[in-house]
Protein backbone atom coordinates (compact mmCIF):
# COMPACT_ATOMS: atom_id res chain seq x y z
CA MET A 1 -80.66 105.07 -32.75
CA THR A 2 -78.02 104.31 -35.68
CA THR A 3 -74.36 104.72 -34.59
CA PHE A 4 -72.04 106.78 -36.82
CA GLY A 5 -70.68 103.08 -38.26
CA GLY A 6 -74.17 102.56 -39.31
CA LYS A 7 -75.15 105.22 -40.95
CA LEU A 8 -71.57 104.96 -42.80
CA ARG A 9 -72.14 101.25 -44.08
CA GLU A 10 -75.42 102.18 -45.09
CA CYS A 11 -74.50 105.03 -47.20
CA ARG A 12 -71.75 103.14 -48.78
CA SER A 13 -73.48 100.11 -49.95
CA GLU A 14 -76.06 102.65 -51.29
CA LYS A 15 -73.21 104.08 -53.22
CA GLY A 16 -72.50 100.60 -54.29
CA TYR A 17 -68.80 100.92 -52.52
CA SER A 18 -66.52 98.59 -51.33
CA GLN A 19 -64.57 99.45 -48.09
CA THR A 20 -61.63 99.29 -50.84
CA GLU A 21 -63.53 101.45 -52.91
CA LEU A 22 -64.47 103.89 -49.83
CA ALA A 23 -61.27 104.22 -48.49
CA LYS A 24 -59.41 104.81 -52.06
CA HIS A 25 -61.67 107.81 -52.30
CA ILE A 26 -60.30 109.39 -48.73
CA ASP A 27 -56.98 107.99 -49.24
CA THR A 28 -56.45 105.47 -46.09
CA TYR A 29 -56.98 101.98 -45.82
CA HIS A 30 -59.83 99.47 -45.96
CA SER A 31 -59.42 97.92 -42.71
CA ILE A 32 -60.09 101.45 -41.27
CA ILE A 33 -63.17 102.08 -42.94
CA GLY A 34 -64.03 98.56 -41.63
CA LYS A 35 -63.22 99.81 -37.85
CA TYR A 36 -65.46 103.05 -38.64
CA GLU A 37 -68.15 101.07 -39.43
CA ARG A 38 -67.99 99.34 -36.30
CA ASP A 39 -67.66 101.77 -34.11
CA GLU A 40 -64.11 100.73 -32.55
CA VAL A 41 -62.74 103.91 -34.34
CA LYS A 42 -63.99 107.55 -34.28
CA PRO A 43 -62.87 109.40 -37.37
CA THR A 44 -61.45 113.16 -37.08
CA ILE A 45 -63.82 115.75 -38.44
CA ASP A 46 -61.65 116.36 -41.35
CA VAL A 47 -62.66 112.44 -42.68
CA VAL A 48 -65.99 112.62 -41.46
CA LYS A 49 -66.20 115.92 -44.38
CA LYS A 50 -64.63 113.81 -46.42
CA LEU A 51 -66.83 110.90 -46.18
CA ALA A 52 -70.04 112.94 -46.78
CA ASP A 53 -68.33 114.48 -49.72
CA VAL A 54 -67.57 111.03 -51.31
CA LEU A 55 -70.84 109.22 -50.14
CA GLY A 56 -73.17 112.74 -51.02
CA THR A 57 -74.37 112.97 -47.68
CA THR A 58 -73.95 115.37 -44.90
CA VAL A 59 -71.61 115.43 -41.77
CA GLY A 60 -74.93 116.46 -39.89
CA TYR A 61 -76.10 113.06 -41.08
CA LEU A 62 -73.27 110.91 -40.39
CA LEU A 63 -73.00 112.10 -36.89
CA GLY A 64 -76.38 111.67 -36.13
CA GLU A 65 -77.64 115.13 -35.76
CA THR A 66 -80.03 115.07 -38.75
CA GLU A 67 -82.02 111.81 -40.07
CA ASP A 68 -82.08 113.60 -43.82
CA ARG A 69 -79.08 112.99 -45.99
CA GLU A 70 -79.59 116.25 -47.81
CA LEU A 71 -79.94 118.75 -45.44
CA LEU A 72 -78.17 122.16 -45.59
CA LYS A 73 -76.39 120.66 -48.86
CA ASP A 74 -77.76 122.92 -51.27
CA PRO A 75 -75.14 126.08 -50.99
CA THR A 76 -77.56 129.00 -51.88
CA MET A 77 -80.06 128.24 -48.94
CA LEU A 78 -76.41 127.85 -46.67
CA ARG A 79 -75.40 131.14 -47.41
CA ARG A 80 -79.07 132.48 -46.73
CA LEU A 81 -78.92 131.00 -43.54
CA ASN A 82 -75.87 132.56 -42.55
CA ASP A 83 -76.25 135.63 -43.61
CA ILE A 84 -79.94 135.61 -41.54
CA SER A 85 -77.69 134.57 -38.26
CA LYS A 86 -75.71 137.40 -38.34
CA PHE A 87 -78.73 139.66 -38.30
CA PRO A 88 -79.65 141.77 -34.80
CA GLU A 89 -81.65 139.45 -33.02
CA GLU A 90 -85.41 141.17 -33.46
CA ASP A 91 -84.47 141.49 -37.58
CA LYS A 92 -83.78 137.70 -36.96
CA ASN A 93 -87.30 137.23 -35.42
CA CYS A 94 -89.09 139.08 -37.94
CA ILE A 95 -87.37 137.47 -40.92
CA LEU A 96 -88.06 133.96 -39.05
CA TYR A 97 -91.73 134.65 -38.23
CA THR A 98 -92.22 135.76 -42.01
CA LEU A 99 -90.83 132.38 -43.20
CA ASP A 100 -92.58 130.47 -41.06
CA ALA A 101 -95.74 131.86 -41.90
CA MET A 102 -95.18 131.24 -45.88
CA ILE A 103 -94.21 127.81 -44.76
CA ASN A 104 -97.04 127.34 -43.57
CA ASN A 105 -99.02 128.15 -46.09
CA VAL A 106 -97.48 126.23 -48.85
CA LYS A 107 -98.58 123.47 -46.63
CA LEU A 108 -101.71 124.46 -46.24
CA LYS A 109 -101.93 124.67 -50.08
CA GLY A 110 -100.89 121.21 -50.47
CA LEU A 111 -103.19 119.68 -48.47
CA ASN A 112 -105.94 121.47 -50.53
CA MET A 113 -105.09 120.50 -53.93
């Protein structure tokens, strides 16, 4: 499993930033970025949010909660999920059941093309 530091280094490199450039974007020192990348120091959640924004990824990806860098970056989808989460349990289950059926239908269509 890749650590926070490894994911940070990978994202920084893919963006073409040096540690110094990344540090400037989040208003810190390059030595701190190096410590994050070596997993010597753990950043605060506020710093992780800044890093994710600058690097074009998500907090979840950097923290190892998902392998998908783009997951839940779409504000429209997030708003919908937040709305669904506030519904009564029975309504949530109905919506998710319907959504699962529609997703499976689209996947099957893709296999038959």
